[in-house]
Amino acid sequence: MLVSAISMFRAISMQHDAGMAIMQTNQNNLSMLRASRAGEMSFNALHQQDVRNGVSAAKNGMMYQVASAWKKQCEAKIKQEMKQNKLNVIA
């Protein structure tokens, strides 16, 4: 049961890390647009940065989904362990 709880906390941490990375990628997109000037930045550099941000957003979104599924699995395992062992959590 302790291992399942630790695993669930790790999944929650991973979920929060992925959510923070998604917010940072979105902030990076907005900063990139704000910093670009009409004639000063090449479109190729903007395109490359946009592709990197898109890949990062997709990766972080997938990591968030993996962490969410892992958390649900841990919650189910803890419920199953509590039914099998009939542990008194209050004690």
PDB file of N, CA and C in Angstrom:
ATOM      1  N   MET A   1       0.820  -1.189   0.000  1.00  0.00           N
ATOM      2  CA  MET A   1       0.000   0.000   0.000  1.00  0.00           C
ATOM      3  C   MET A   1       0.864   1.252   0.000  1.00  0.00           C
ATOM      4  N   LEU A   2       1.953   1.214   0.718  1.00  0.00           N
ATOM      5  CA  LEU A   2       2.835   2.368   0.770  1.00  0.00           C
ATOM      6  C   LEU A   2       3.459   2.635  -0.595  1.00  0.00           C
ATOM      7  N   VAL A   3       3.824   1.551  -1.284  1.00  0.00           N
ATOM      8  CA  VAL A   3       4.406   1.703  -2.612  1.00  0.00           C
ATOM      9  C   VAL A   3       3.383   2.311  -3.568  1.00  0.00           C
ATOM     10  N   SER A   4       2.139   1.915  -3.469  1.00  0.00           N
ATOM     11  CA  SER A   4       1.088   2.480  -4.321  1.00  0.00           C
ATOM     12  C   SER A   4       0.868   3.955  -4.036  1.00  0.00           C
ATOM     13  N   ALA A   5       0.931   4.323  -2.768  1.00  0.00           N
ATOM     14  CA  ALA A   5       0.761   5.735  -2.401  1.00  0.00           C
ATOM     15  C   ALA A   5       1.920   6.573  -2.927  1.00  0.00           C
ATOM     16  N   ILE A   6       3.133   6.053  -2.794  1.00  0.00           N
ATOM     17  CA  ILE A   6       4.296   6.774  -3.308  1.00  0.00           C
ATOM     18  C   ILE A   6       4.200   6.911  -4.822  1.00  0.00           C
ATOM     19  N   SER A   7       3.766   5.854  -5.478  1.00  0.00           N
ATOM     20  CA  SER A   7       3.601   5.881  -6.931  1.00  0.00           C
ATOM     21  C   SER A   7       2.543   6.906  -7.340  1.00  0.00           C
ATOM     22  N   MET A   8       1.462   6.986  -6.577  1.00  0.00           N
ATOM     23  CA  MET A   8       0.416   7.959  -6.888  1.00  0.00           C
ATOM     24  C   MET A   8       0.933   9.389  -6.713  1.00  0.00           C
ATOM     25  N   PHE A   9       1.697   9.633  -5.664  1.00  0.00           N
ATOM     26  CA  PHE A   9       2.259  10.968  -5.470  1.00  0.00           C
ATOM     27  C   PHE A   9       3.234  11.325  -6.581  1.00  0.00           C
ATOM     28  N   ARG A  10       3.987  10.341  -7.070  1.00  0.00           N
ATOM     29  CA  ARG A  10       4.897  10.577  -8.194  1.00  0.00           C
ATOM     30  C   ARG A  10       4.105  10.910  -9.454  1.00  0.00           C
ATOM     31  N   ALA A  11       2.975  10.237  -9.650  1.00  0.00           N
ATOM     32  CA  ALA A  11       2.122  10.520 -10.813  1.00  0.00           C
ATOM     33  C   ALA A  11       1.547  11.934 -10.728  1.00  0.00           C
ATOM     34  N   ILE A  12       1.139  12.335  -9.537  1.00  0.00           N
ATOM     35  CA  ILE A  12       0.614  13.694  -9.349  1.00  0.00           C
ATOM     36  C   ILE A  12       1.706  14.722  -9.635  1.00  0.00           C
ATOM     37  N   SER A  13       2.912  14.453  -9.165  1.00  0.00           N
ATOM     38  CA  SER A  13       4.030  15.356  -9.424  1.00  0.00           C
ATOM     39  C   SER A  13       4.311  15.450 -10.923  1.00  0.00           C
ATOM     40  N   MET A  14       4.291  14.317 -11.592  1.00  0.00           N
ATOM     41  CA  MET A  14       4.524  14.298 -13.042  1.00  0.00           C
ATOM     42  C   MET A  14       3.427  15.062 -13.777  1.00  0.00           C
ATOM     43  N   GLN A  15       2.209  14.937 -13.301  1.00  0.00           N
ATOM     44  CA  GLN A  15       1.075  15.652 -13.892  1.00  0.00           C
ATOM     45  C   GLN A  15       1.266  17.166 -13.731  1.00  0.00           C
ATOM     46  N   HIS A  16       1.682  17.595 -12.567  1.00  0.00           N
ATOM     47  CA  HIS A  16       1.897  19.024 -12.337  1.00  0.00           C
ATOM     48  C   HIS A  16       3.067  19.557 -13.158  1.00  0.00           C
ATOM     49  N   ASP A  17       4.136  18.759 -13.257  1.00  0.00           N
ATOM     50  CA  ASP A  17       5.287  19.170 -14.068  1.00  0.00           C
ATOM     51  C   ASP A  17       4.908  19.343 -15.529  1.00  0.00           C
ATOM     52  N   ALA A  18       4.109  18.417 -16.053  1.00  0.00           N
ATOM     53  CA  ALA A  18       3.677  18.506 -17.451  1.00  0.00           C
ATOM     54  C   ALA A  18       2.764  19.709 -17.658  1.00  0.00           C
ATOM     55  N   GLY A  19       1.884  19.972 -16.711  1.00  0.00           N
ATOM     56  CA  GLY A  19       1.016  21.140 -16.809  1.00  0.00           C
ATOM     57  C   GLY A  19       1.798  22.438 -16.797  1.00  0.00           C
ATOM     58  N   MET A  20       2.827  22.491 -15.951  1.00  0.00           N
ATOM     59  CA  MET A  20       3.676  23.681 -15.900  1.00  0.00           C
ATOM     60  C   MET A  20       4.443  23.854 -17.207  1.00  0.00           C
ATOM     61  N   ALA A  21       4.923  22.759 -17.774  1.00  0.00           N
ATOM     62  CA  ALA A  21       5.656  22.829 -19.042  1.00  0.00           C
ATOM     63  C   ALA A  21       4.733  23.288 -20.170  1.00  0.00           C
ATOM     64  N   ILE A  22       3.483  22.886 -20.145  1.00  0.00           N
ATOM     65  CA  ILE A  22       2.514  23.346 -21.150  1.00  0.00           C
ATOM     66  C   ILE A  22       2.329  24.857 -21.033  1.00  0.00           C
ATOM     67  N   MET A  23       2.196  25.349 -19.799  1.00  0.00           N
ATOM     68  CA  MET A  23       2.046  26.795 -19.611  1.00  0.00           C
ATOM     69  C   MET A  23       3.287  27.549 -20.066  1.00  0.00           C
ATOM     70  N   GLN A  24       4.471  27.006 -19.808  1.00  0.00           N
ATOM     71  CA  GLN A  24       5.700  27.660 -20.234  1.00  0.00           C
ATOM     72  C   GLN A  24       5.817  27.694 -21.757  1.00  0.00           C
ATOM     73  N   THR A  25       5.377  26.625 -22.424  1.00  0.00           N
ATOM     74  CA  THR A  25       5.399  26.599 -23.888  1.00  0.00           C
ATOM     75  C   THR A  25       4.452  27.651 -24.453  1.00  0.00           C
ATOM     76  N   ASN A  26       3.274  27.761 -23.863  1.00  0.00           N
ATOM     77  CA  ASN A  26       2.325  28.791 -24.312  1.00  0.00           C
ATOM     78  C   ASN A  26       2.882  30.194 -24.082  1.00  0.00           C
ATOM     79  N   GLN A  27       3.534  30.386 -22.956  1.00  0.00           N
ATOM     80  CA  GLN A  27       4.148  31.681 -22.683  1.00  0.00           C
ATOM     81  C   GLN A  27       5.274  31.966 -23.673  1.00  0.00           C
ATOM     82  N   ASN A  28       6.034  30.938 -24.036  1.00  0.00           N
ATOM     83  CA  ASN A  28       7.098  31.087 -25.009  1.00  0.00           C
ATOM     84  C   ASN A  28       6.544  31.481 -26.374  1.00  0.00           C
ATOM     85  N   ASN A  29       5.415  30.887 -26.753  1.00  0.00           N
ATOM     86  CA  ASN A  29       4.758  31.261 -28.016  1.00  0.00           C
ATOM     87  C   ASN A  29       4.371  32.740 -28.017  1.00  0.00           C
ATOM     88  N   LEU A  30       3.773  33.173 -26.933  1.00  0.00           N
ATOM     89  CA  LEU A  30       3.347  34.574 -26.859  1.00  0.00           C
ATOM     90  C   LEU A  30       4.545  35.520 -26.829  1.00  0.00           C
ATOM     91  N   SER A  31       5.586  35.143 -26.116  1.00  0.00           N
ATOM     92  CA  SER A  31       6.786  35.982 -26.070  1.00  0.00           C
ATOM     93  C   SER A  31       7.439  36.081 -27.441  1.00  0.00           C
ATOM     94  N   MET A  32       7.436  34.970 -28.169  1.00  0.00           N
ATOM     95  CA  MET A  32       8.015  34.960 -29.503  1.00  0.00           C
ATOM     96  C   MET A  32       7.252  35.916 -30.420  1.00  0.00           C
ATOM     97  N   LEU A  33       5.944  35.909 -30.335  1.00  0.00           N
ATOM     98  CA  LEU A  33       5.141  36.812 -31.165  1.00  0.00           C
ATOM     99  C   LEU A  33       5.335  38.271 -30.761  1.00  0.00           C
ATOM    100  N   ARG A  34       5.429  38.494 -29.476  1.00  0.00           N
ATOM    101  CA  ARG A  34       5.593  39.854 -28.982  1.00  0.00           C
ATOM    102  C   ARG A  34       6.958  40.416 -29.369  1.00  0.00           C
ATOM    103  N   ALA A  35       7.987  39.558 -29.371  1.00  0.00           N
ATOM    104  CA  ALA A  35       9.344  40.013 -29.648  1.00  0.00           C
ATOM    105  C   ALA A  35       9.620  40.191 -31.137  1.00  0.00           C
ATOM    106  N   SER A  36       8.818  39.575 -31.974  1.00  0.00           N
ATOM    107  CA  SER A  36       9.092  39.663 -33.411  1.00  0.00           C
ATOM    108  C   SER A  36       8.701  41.045 -33.936  1.00  0.00           C
ATOM    109  N   ARG A  37       9.562  41.601 -34.719  1.00  0.00           N
ATOM    110  CA  ARG A  37       9.308  42.880 -35.382  1.00  0.00           C
ATOM    111  C   ARG A  37       9.075  42.602 -36.856  1.00  0.00           C
ATOM    112  N   ALA A  38       8.440  43.473 -37.521  1.00  0.00           N
ATOM    113  CA  ALA A  38       8.031  43.246 -38.913  1.00  0.00           C
ATOM    114  C   ALA A  38       9.205  42.939 -39.837  1.00  0.00           C
ATOM    115  N   GLY A  39      10.264  43.710 -39.806  1.00  0.00           N
ATOM    116  CA  GLY A  39      11.342  43.496 -40.741  1.00  0.00           C
ATOM    117  C   GLY A  39      12.615  42.953 -40.131  1.00  0.00           C
ATOM    118  N   GLU A  40      12.624  42.728 -38.814  1.00  0.00           N
ATOM    119  CA  GLU A  40      13.865  42.367 -38.146  1.00  0.00           C
ATOM    120  C   GLU A  40      14.095  40.866 -38.017  1.00  0.00           C
ATOM    121  N   MET A  41      13.047  40.062 -38.037  1.00  0.00           N
ATOM    122  CA  MET A  41      13.205  38.642 -37.801  1.00  0.00           C
ATOM    123  C   MET A  41      12.854  37.863 -39.060  1.00  0.00           C
ATOM    124  N   SER A  42      13.597  36.831 -39.350  1.00  0.00           N
ATOM    125  CA  SER A  42      13.322  36.044 -40.550  1.00  0.00           C
ATOM    126  C   SER A  42      12.159  35.091 -40.286  1.00  0.00           C
ATOM    127  N   PHE A  43      11.410  34.824 -41.319  1.00  0.00           N
ATOM    128  CA  PHE A  43      10.282  33.914 -41.189  1.00  0.00           C
ATOM    129  C   PHE A  43      10.746  32.486 -40.961  1.00  0.00           C
ATOM    130  N   ASN A  44      11.936  32.155 -41.458  1.00  0.00           N
ATOM    131  CA  ASN A  44      12.471  30.813 -41.235  1.00  0.00           C
ATOM    132  C   ASN A  44      12.739  30.584 -39.746  1.00  0.00           C
ATOM    133  N   ALA A  45      13.319  31.566 -39.073  1.00  0.00           N
ATOM    134  CA  ALA A  45      13.580  31.446 -37.634  1.00  0.00           C
ATOM    135  C   ALA A  45      12.272  31.353 -36.855  1.00  0.00           C
ATOM    136  N   LEU A  46      11.278  32.140 -37.246  1.00  0.00           N
ATOM    137  CA  LEU A  46       9.961  32.058 -36.594  1.00  0.00           C
ATOM    138  C   LEU A  46       9.341  30.684 -36.797  1.00  0.00           C
ATOM    139  N   HIS A  47       9.455  30.164 -38.009  1.00  0.00           N
ATOM    140  CA  HIS A  47       8.895  28.848 -38.313  1.00  0.00           C
ATOM    141  C   HIS A  47       9.575  27.763 -37.485  1.00  0.00           C
ATOM    142  N   GLN A  48      10.909  27.810 -37.398  1.00  0.00           N
ATOM    143  CA  GLN A  48      11.631  26.805 -36.622  1.00  0.00           C
ATOM    144  C   GLN A  48      11.260  26.853 -35.148  1.00  0.00           C
ATOM    145  N   GLN A  49      11.139  28.045 -34.613  1.00  0.00           N
ATOM    146  CA  GLN A  49      10.749  28.174 -33.210  1.00  0.00           C
ATOM    147  C   GLN A  49       9.318  27.699 -32.995  1.00  0.00           C
ATOM    148  N   ASP A  50       8.447  27.997 -33.942  1.00  0.00           N
ATOM    149  CA  ASP A  50       7.064  27.544 -33.847  1.00  0.00           C
ATOM    150  C   ASP A  50       6.978  26.023 -33.880  1.00  0.00           C
ATOM    151  N   VAL A  51       7.788  25.396 -34.731  1.00  0.00           N
ATOM    152  CA  VAL A  51       7.810  23.927 -34.794  1.00  0.00           C
ATOM    153  C   VAL A  51       8.308  23.350 -33.475  1.00  0.00           C
ATOM    154  N   ARG A  52       9.376  23.925 -32.916  1.00  0.00           N
ATOM    155  CA  ARG A  52       9.892  23.444 -31.625  1.00  0.00           C
ATOM    156  C   ARG A  52       8.841  23.586 -30.525  1.00  0.00           C
ATOM    157  N   ASN A  53       8.149  24.724 -30.517  1.00  0.00           N
ATOM    158  CA  ASN A  53       7.115  24.922 -29.501  1.00  0.00           C
ATOM    159  C   ASN A  53       5.945  23.954 -29.702  1.00  0.00           C
ATOM    160  N   GLY A  54       5.598  23.680 -30.955  1.00  0.00           N
ATOM    161  CA  GLY A  54       4.518  22.735 -31.227  1.00  0.00           C
ATOM    162  C   GLY A  54       4.861  21.324 -30.776  1.00  0.00           C
ATOM    163  N   VAL A  55       6.091  20.905 -31.040  1.00  0.00           N
ATOM    164  CA  VAL A  55       6.536  19.577 -30.602  1.00  0.00           C
ATOM    165  C   VAL A  55       6.568  19.512 -29.075  1.00  0.00           C
ATOM    166  N   SER A  56       7.046  20.567 -28.456  1.00  0.00           N
ATOM    167  CA  SER A  56       7.092  20.606 -27.001  1.00  0.00           C
ATOM    168  C   SER A  56       5.684  20.548 -26.401  1.00  0.00           C
ATOM    169  N   ALA A  57       4.755  21.273 -26.998  1.00  0.00           N
ATOM    170  CA  ALA A  57       3.373  21.258 -26.498  1.00  0.00           C
ATOM    171  C   ALA A  57       2.756  19.870 -26.654  1.00  0.00           C
ATOM    172  N   ALA A  58       3.015  19.212 -27.777  1.00  0.00           N
ATOM    173  CA  ALA A  58       2.473  17.866 -27.996  1.00  0.00           C
ATOM    174  C   ALA A  58       3.076  16.867 -27.006  1.00  0.00           C
ATOM    175  N   LYS A  59       4.390  16.967 -26.790  1.00  0.00           N
ATOM    176  CA  LYS A  59       5.065  16.064 -25.849  1.00  0.00           C
ATOM    177  C   LYS A  59       4.547  16.255 -24.434  1.00  0.00           C
ATOM    178  N   ASN A  60       4.415  17.508 -24.026  1.00  0.00           N
ATOM    179  CA  ASN A  60       3.938  17.782 -22.672  1.00  0.00           C
ATOM    180  C   ASN A  60       2.474  17.391 -22.495  1.00  0.00           C
ATOM    181  N   GLY A  61       1.671  17.563 -23.545  1.00  0.00           N
ATOM    182  CA  GLY A  61       0.281  17.118 -23.478  1.00  0.00           C
ATOM    183  C   GLY A  61       0.186  15.608 -23.318  1.00  0.00           C
ATOM    184  N   MET A  62       1.039  14.876 -24.043  1.00  0.00           N
ATOM    185  CA  MET A  62       1.060  13.428 -23.913  1.00  0.00           C
ATOM    186  C   MET A  62       1.520  13.011 -22.520  1.00  0.00           C
ATOM    187  N   MET A  63       2.542  13.689 -21.990  1.00  0.00           N
ATOM    188  CA  MET A  63       3.023  13.358 -20.653  1.00  0.00           C
ATOM    189  C   MET A  63       1.947  13.623 -19.594  1.00  0.00           C
ATOM    190  N   TYR A  64       1.150  14.664 -19.801  1.00  0.00           N
ATOM    191  CA  TYR A  64       0.050  14.953 -18.877  1.00  0.00           C
ATOM    192  C   TYR A  64      -0.988  13.828 -18.913  1.00  0.00           C
ATOM    193  N   GLN A  65      -1.303  13.353 -20.112  1.00  0.00           N
ATOM    194  CA  GLN A  65      -2.268  12.260 -20.234  1.00  0.00           C
ATOM    195  C   GLN A  65      -1.738  10.965 -19.629  1.00  0.00           C
ATOM    196  N   VAL A  66      -0.452  10.690 -19.834  1.00  0.00           N
ATOM    197  CA  VAL A  66       0.156   9.496 -19.237  1.00  0.00           C
ATOM    198  C   VAL A  66       0.106   9.582 -17.717  1.00  0.00           C
ATOM    199  N   ALA A  67       0.443  10.748 -17.180  1.00  0.00           N
ATOM    200  CA  ALA A  67       0.427  10.924 -15.724  1.00  0.00           C
ATOM    201  C   ALA A  67      -0.991  10.802 -15.172  1.00  0.00           C
ATOM    202  N   SER A  68      -1.970  11.313 -15.904  1.00  0.00           N
ATOM    203  CA  SER A  68      -3.360  11.193 -15.451  1.00  0.00           C
ATOM    204  C   SER A  68      -3.804   9.738 -15.426  1.00  0.00           C
ATOM    205  N   ALA A  69      -3.436   8.977 -16.457  1.00  0.00           N
ATOM    206  CA  ALA A  69      -3.789   7.554 -16.496  1.00  0.00           C
ATOM    207  C   ALA A  69      -3.079   6.793 -15.385  1.00  0.00           C
ATOM    208  N   TRP A  70      -1.818   7.142 -15.139  1.00  0.00           N
ATOM    209  CA  TRP A  70      -1.048   6.495 -14.076  1.00  0.00           C
ATOM    210  C   TRP A  70      -1.689   6.766 -12.722  1.00  0.00           C
ATOM    211  N   LYS A  71      -2.136   8.002 -12.516  1.00  0.00           N
ATOM    212  CA  LYS A  71      -2.786   8.369 -11.254  1.00  0.00           C
ATOM    213  C   LYS A  71      -4.077   7.578 -11.052  1.00  0.00           C
ATOM    214  N   LYS A  72      -4.868   7.438 -12.119  1.00  0.00           N
ATOM    215  CA  LYS A  72      -6.109   6.657 -12.007  1.00  0.00           C
ATOM    216  C   LYS A  72      -5.812   5.202 -11.686  1.00  0.00           C
ATOM    217  N   GLN A  73      -4.769   4.658 -12.303  1.00  0.00           N
ATOM    218  CA  GLN A  73      -4.385   3.281 -12.040  1.00  0.00           C
ATOM    219  C   GLN A  73      -3.956   3.110 -10.585  1.00  0.00           C
ATOM    220  N   CYS A  74      -3.204   4.065 -10.071  1.00  0.00           N
ATOM    221  CA  CYS A  74      -2.759   3.992  -8.673  1.00  0.00           C
ATOM    222  C   CYS A  74      -3.934   4.091  -7.711  1.00  0.00           C
ATOM    223  N   GLU A  75      -4.875   4.963  -8.018  1.00  0.00           N
ATOM    224  CA  GLU A  75      -6.063   5.090  -7.157  1.00  0.00           C
ATOM    225  C   GLU A  75      -6.848   3.788  -7.132  1.00  0.00           C
ATOM    226  N   ALA A  76      -6.993   3.152  -8.296  1.00  0.00           N
ATOM    227  CA  ALA A  76      -7.714   1.874  -8.362  1.00  0.00           C
ATOM    228  C   ALA A  76      -6.966   0.796  -7.581  1.00  0.00           C
ATOM    229  N   LYS A  77      -5.644   0.782  -7.693  1.00  0.00           N
ATOM    230  CA  LYS A  77      -4.849  -0.215  -6.972  1.00  0.00           C
ATOM    231  C   LYS A  77      -4.953  -0.020  -5.465  1.00  0.00           C
ATOM    232  N   ILE A  78      -4.950   1.232  -5.020  1.00  0.00           N
ATOM    233  CA  ILE A  78      -5.088   1.502  -3.589  1.00  0.00           C
ATOM    234  C   ILE A  78      -6.451   1.048  -3.089  1.00  0.00           C
ATOM    235  N   LYS A  79      -7.503   1.308  -3.868  1.00  0.00           N
ATOM    236  CA  LYS A  79      -8.847   0.851  -3.475  1.00  0.00           C
ATOM    237  C   LYS A  79      -8.895  -0.666  -3.378  1.00  0.00           C
ATOM    238  N   GLN A  80      -8.264  -1.336  -4.357  1.00  0.00           N
ATOM    239  CA  GLN A  80      -8.250  -2.796  -4.353  1.00  0.00           C
ATOM    240  C   GLN A  80      -7.479  -3.321  -3.148  1.00  0.00           C
ATOM    241  N   GLU A  81      -6.348  -2.720  -2.835  1.00  0.00           N
ATOM    242  CA  GLU A  81      -5.560  -3.150  -1.685  1.00  0.00           C
ATOM    243  C   GLU A  81      -6.316  -2.922  -0.383  1.00  0.00           C
ATOM    244  N   MET A  82      -7.062  -1.833  -0.311  1.00  0.00           N
ATOM    245  CA  MET A  82      -7.822  -1.558   0.914  1.00  0.00           C
ATOM    246  C   MET A  82      -8.952  -2.569   1.083  1.00  0.00           C
ATOM    247  N   LYS A  83      -9.558  -3.014  -0.040  1.00  0.00           N
ATOM    248  CA  LYS A  83     -10.606  -4.034   0.053  1.00  0.00           C
ATOM    249  C   LYS A  83     -10.027  -5.380   0.469  1.00  0.00           C
ATOM    250  N   GLN A  84      -8.881  -5.731  -0.122  1.00  0.00           N
ATOM    251  CA  GLN A  84      -8.273  -7.019   0.186  1.00  0.00           C
ATOM    252  C   GLN A  84      -7.778  -7.082   1.627  1.00  0.00           C
ATOM    253  N   ASN A  85      -7.096  -6.074   2.053  1.00  0.00           N
ATOM    254  CA  ASN A  85      -6.481  -6.103   3.375  1.00  0.00           C
ATOM    255  C   ASN A  85      -7.397  -5.576   4.464  1.00  0.00           C
ATOM    256  N   LYS A  86      -8.444  -4.889   4.078  1.00  0.00           N
ATOM    257  CA  LYS A  86      -9.384  -4.276   5.017  1.00  0.00           C
ATOM    258  C   LYS A  86      -8.642  -3.489   6.087  1.00  0.00           C
ATOM    259  N   LEU A  87      -7.780  -2.608   5.591  1.00  0.00           N
ATOM    260  CA  LEU A  87      -6.996  -1.780   6.508  1.00  0.00           C
ATOM    261  C   LEU A  87      -7.850  -0.670   7.081  1.00  0.00           C
ATOM    262  N   ASN A  88      -7.583  -0.353   8.321  1.00  0.00           N
ATOM    263  CA  ASN A  88      -8.241   0.764   8.966  1.00  0.00           C
ATOM    264  C   ASN A  88      -7.304   1.950   8.830  1.00  0.00           C
ATOM    265  N   VAL A  89      -7.655   2.880   7.956  1.00  0.00           N
ATOM    266  CA  VAL A  89      -6.787   4.019   7.681  1.00  0.00           C
ATOM    267  C   VAL A  89      -6.743   4.970   8.871  1.00  0.00           C
ATOM    268  N   ILE A  90      -7.803   5.024   9.612  1.00  0.00           N
ATOM    269  CA  ILE A  90      -7.882   5.939  10.748  1.00  0.00           C
ATOM    270  C   ILE A  90      -6.922   5.499  11.863  1.00  0.00           C
ATOM    271  N   ALA A  91      -6.782   4.204  12.009  1.00  0.00           N
ATOM    272  CA  ALA A  91      -5.889   3.694  13.064  1.00  0.00           C
ATOM    273  C   ALA A  91      -4.491   3.943  12.657  1.00  0.00           C
TER     274      ALA A  91
END
